[in-house]
Amino acid sequence: METVNGTILIDGIDIGRLSLDYLRSHISVIPQVPILFCGTLRYNIDPFKQFTDDECLTALEAVQLKSLVRNHPDGFHMLIAESGTNLSAGERQLICVARAILKRSHILLIDEATANVDYATDKMIQEVIADKFRDRTILTIAHRLNTIVNSDRILMLQQGEVAYFDVPSNLNLM
């Protein structure tokens, strides 16, 4: 990964010296627009078949989607349409959260993950992230302040420049 100026260190390691494949395999991403594949629910939460059905079910339970498996006649083998068009926006996003829970990466990148979901799903995603990723590094890209007020530190950009970098209590966020 080439940088224009400076270095990015993760645990003292310059990520510029790592392959992009290696770096991507060690970071979980919960994107604004959920990425789902045409295939089974099982495949969508564990595309590399690294986890047991019980582990997958536990991840789905954490995001309150266990009933999706239990109530569907095909269970884990229920088909998901391309981009998850046969699911609600909330279900699509929760499947991405379940995938991140399973991966257990030490770094989680959240890119406006709650921008397209209702208030109840937003709240639940925030609670799950606070619980399941409490000992991880979380990088959150957000416009809604409620998604970042519990962060350890906030980096605020304005016109591409660092405007603030501090703990939330020291920033005038409201």
Protein backbone atom coordinates (compact mmCIF):
# COMPACT_ATOMS: atom_id res chain seq x y z
CA MET A 1 0.00 0.00 0.00
CA GLU A 2 1.63 3.23 -1.14
CA THR A 3 1.39 6.40 0.90
CA VAL A 4 1.91 9.92 -0.38
CA ASN A 5 3.54 11.14 2.81
CA GLY A 6 4.17 9.54 6.20
CA THR A 7 3.38 6.08 7.46
CA ILE A 8 0.47 4.28 9.05
CA LEU A 9 1.47 1.97 11.87
CA ILE A 10 -0.71 -0.76 13.32
CA ASP A 11 0.80 -2.37 16.41
CA GLY A 12 4.13 -0.88 15.35
CA ILE A 13 3.98 -2.37 11.86
CA ASP A 14 4.12 -0.10 8.81
CA ILE A 15 1.13 -1.18 6.72
CA GLY A 16 2.96 0.02 3.61
CA ARG A 17 5.09 -3.11 3.94
CA LEU A 18 2.08 -5.44 4.00
CA SER A 19 0.32 -6.83 0.97
CA LEU A 20 -3.13 -5.44 0.35
CA ASP A 21 -4.59 -8.97 0.54
CA TYR A 22 -3.01 -9.54 3.95
CA LEU A 23 -4.18 -6.18 5.26
CA ARG A 24 -7.74 -6.69 4.00
CA SER A 25 -7.90 -10.17 5.51
CA HIS A 26 -7.21 -8.71 8.97
CA ILE A 27 -9.78 -5.91 8.89
CA SER A 28 -13.56 -6.28 9.08
CA VAL A 29 -15.73 -3.76 7.28
CA ILE A 30 -19.36 -2.90 7.87
CA PRO A 31 -20.17 -0.72 4.85
CA GLN A 32 -22.94 1.80 4.32
CA VAL A 33 -24.28 -0.28 1.45
CA PRO A 34 -24.26 -3.91 2.60
CA ILE A 35 -22.36 -6.30 0.38
CA LEU A 36 -24.30 -9.54 -0.03
CA PHE A 37 -23.84 -12.24 -2.62
CA CYS A 38 -26.24 -14.39 -4.55
CA GLY A 39 -26.10 -17.58 -2.51
CA THR A 40 -27.19 -18.99 0.80
CA LEU A 41 -27.46 -17.14 4.08
CA ARG A 42 -24.69 -19.41 5.40
CA TYR A 43 -22.42 -18.42 2.52
CA ASN A 44 -23.12 -14.73 3.10
CA ILE A 45 -22.06 -14.79 6.74
CA ASP A 46 -19.17 -17.23 6.28
CA PRO A 47 -18.01 -17.10 2.64
CA PHE A 48 -14.74 -18.96 3.36
CA LYS A 49 -16.39 -21.76 5.39
CA GLN A 50 -14.20 -21.10 8.43
CA PHE A 51 -16.86 -21.45 11.13
CA THR A 52 -19.29 -24.07 12.41
CA ASP A 53 -23.06 -23.77 12.06
CA ASP A 54 -23.26 -23.16 15.82
CA GLU A 55 -20.79 -20.26 15.58
CA CYS A 56 -22.76 -18.80 12.67
CA LEU A 57 -26.02 -19.18 14.58
CA THR A 58 -24.48 -17.46 17.62
CA ALA A 59 -23.43 -14.51 15.42
CA LEU A 60 -26.93 -14.30 13.95
CA GLU A 61 -28.40 -14.47 17.44
CA ALA A 62 -26.21 -11.53 18.50
CA VAL A 63 -27.85 -9.41 15.80
CA GLN A 64 -31.33 -10.83 16.47
CA LEU A 65 -31.52 -12.73 13.18
CA LYS A 66 -31.59 -16.27 14.59
CA SER A 67 -35.29 -16.40 13.69
CA LEU A 68 -34.37 -15.90 10.04
CA VAL A 69 -32.78 -19.37 10.13
CA ARG A 70 -35.32 -20.98 12.46
CA ASN A 71 -38.41 -19.70 10.62
CA HIS A 72 -37.28 -20.39 7.06
CA PRO A 73 -37.83 -23.92 5.73
CA ASP A 74 -34.33 -23.95 4.21
CA GLY A 75 -32.66 -22.61 7.37
CA PHE A 76 -29.04 -21.66 6.68
CA HIS A 77 -29.59 -22.70 3.08
CA MET A 78 -32.21 -20.02 2.40
CA LEU A 79 -31.24 -18.21 -0.77
CA ILE A 80 -30.17 -14.60 -0.67
CA ALA A 81 -30.68 -12.68 -3.90
CA GLU A 82 -27.88 -10.59 -5.39
CA SER A 83 -27.29 -7.60 -3.08
CA GLY A 84 -29.85 -9.10 -0.67
CA THR A 85 -32.83 -7.66 -2.52
CA ASN A 86 -35.12 -10.25 -0.89
CA LEU A 87 -34.25 -8.89 2.58
CA SER A 88 -35.05 -5.64 4.35
CA ALA A 89 -32.37 -2.93 4.56
CA GLY A 90 -31.97 -3.72 8.26
CA GLU A 91 -31.58 -7.46 7.68
CA ARG A 92 -28.93 -6.85 5.01
CA GLN A 93 -26.93 -4.63 7.37
CA LEU A 94 -27.30 -7.05 10.29
CA ILE A 95 -25.93 -9.90 8.16
CA CYS A 96 -22.82 -7.76 7.54
CA VAL A 97 -22.51 -7.18 11.30
CA ALA A 98 -22.84 -10.94 11.92
CA ARG A 99 -20.09 -11.55 9.35
CA ALA A 100 -17.82 -9.10 11.20
CA ILE A 101 -18.60 -10.78 14.54
CA LEU A 102 -17.52 -14.14 13.10
CA LYS A 103 -14.31 -12.80 11.58
CA ARG A 104 -13.08 -11.51 14.97
CA SER A 105 -10.72 -8.97 13.41
CA HIS A 106 -8.82 -6.68 15.72
CA ILE A 107 -9.71 -3.73 13.50
CA LEU A 108 -13.27 -2.88 12.50
CA LEU A 109 -14.05 -0.21 9.91
CA ILE A 110 -17.62 1.08 10.06
CA ASP A 111 -18.61 3.25 7.11
CA GLU A 112 -21.96 4.92 7.82
CA ALA A 113 -23.30 1.47 8.75
CA THR A 114 -26.54 2.79 10.22
CA ALA A 115 -27.32 5.45 7.61
CA ASN A 116 -30.00 3.38 5.85
CA VAL A 117 -31.70 1.61 8.76
CA ASP A 118 -34.49 2.58 11.13
CA TYR A 119 -33.91 3.89 14.64
CA ALA A 120 -34.44 0.51 16.36
CA THR A 121 -31.94 -1.25 14.08
CA ASP A 122 -29.48 1.64 14.46
CA LYS A 123 -29.70 1.36 18.25
CA MET A 124 -29.28 -2.41 18.16
CA ILE A 125 -26.25 -2.21 15.85
CA GLN A 126 -24.66 0.34 18.20
CA GLU A 127 -25.28 -1.96 21.19
CA VAL A 128 -23.90 -5.03 19.40
CA ILE A 129 -20.78 -3.13 18.32
CA ALA A 130 -20.25 -1.83 21.87
CA ASP A 131 -20.58 -5.38 23.23
CA LYS A 132 -18.89 -7.58 20.63
CA PHE A 133 -16.10 -5.19 19.63
CA ARG A 134 -15.34 -3.47 22.95
CA ASP A 135 -11.74 -4.68 22.99
CA ARG A 136 -11.08 -3.87 19.32
CA THR A 137 -9.95 -0.85 17.37
CA ILE A 138 -12.97 0.68 15.66
CA LEU A 139 -12.69 3.29 12.93
CA THR A 140 -16.09 4.87 12.33
CA ILE A 141 -16.95 7.08 9.39
CA ALA A 142 -20.10 8.93 10.38
CA HIS A 143 -22.19 12.02 9.85
CA ARG A 144 -24.64 11.30 12.67
CA LEU A 145 -23.03 12.28 15.95
CA ASN A 146 -24.91 9.67 17.99
CA THR A 147 -22.82 6.98 16.29
CA ILE A 148 -19.52 8.40 17.56
CA VAL A 149 -20.17 9.99 20.96
CA ASN A 150 -19.05 6.83 22.79
CA SER A 151 -15.76 6.63 20.90
CA ASP A 152 -12.46 6.91 22.77
CA ARG A 153 -11.21 9.55 20.34
CA ILE A 154 -12.76 11.49 17.50
CA LEU A 155 -10.96 12.74 14.41
CA MET A 156 -13.10 15.34 12.67
CA LEU A 157 -12.30 16.46 9.14
CA GLN A 158 -13.42 19.69 7.51
CA GLN A 159 -12.63 20.23 3.83
CA GLY A 160 -10.10 17.40 3.91
CA GLU A 161 -8.14 18.81 6.84
CA VAL A 162 -8.02 17.64 10.46
CA ALA A 163 -10.27 20.03 12.39
CA TYR A 164 -10.34 18.20 15.75
CA PHE A 165 -8.72 15.20 17.33
CA ASP A 166 -9.69 14.69 20.94
CA VAL A 167 -11.90 12.79 23.35
CA PRO A 168 -15.62 13.38 22.76
CA SER A 169 -16.11 15.25 26.05
CA ASN A 170 -13.62 17.93 24.92
CA LEU A 171 -15.31 18.53 21.59
CA ASN A 172 -18.31 20.76 21.11
CA LEU A 173 -20.36 18.20 19.17
CA MET A 174 -23.81 19.63 19.60
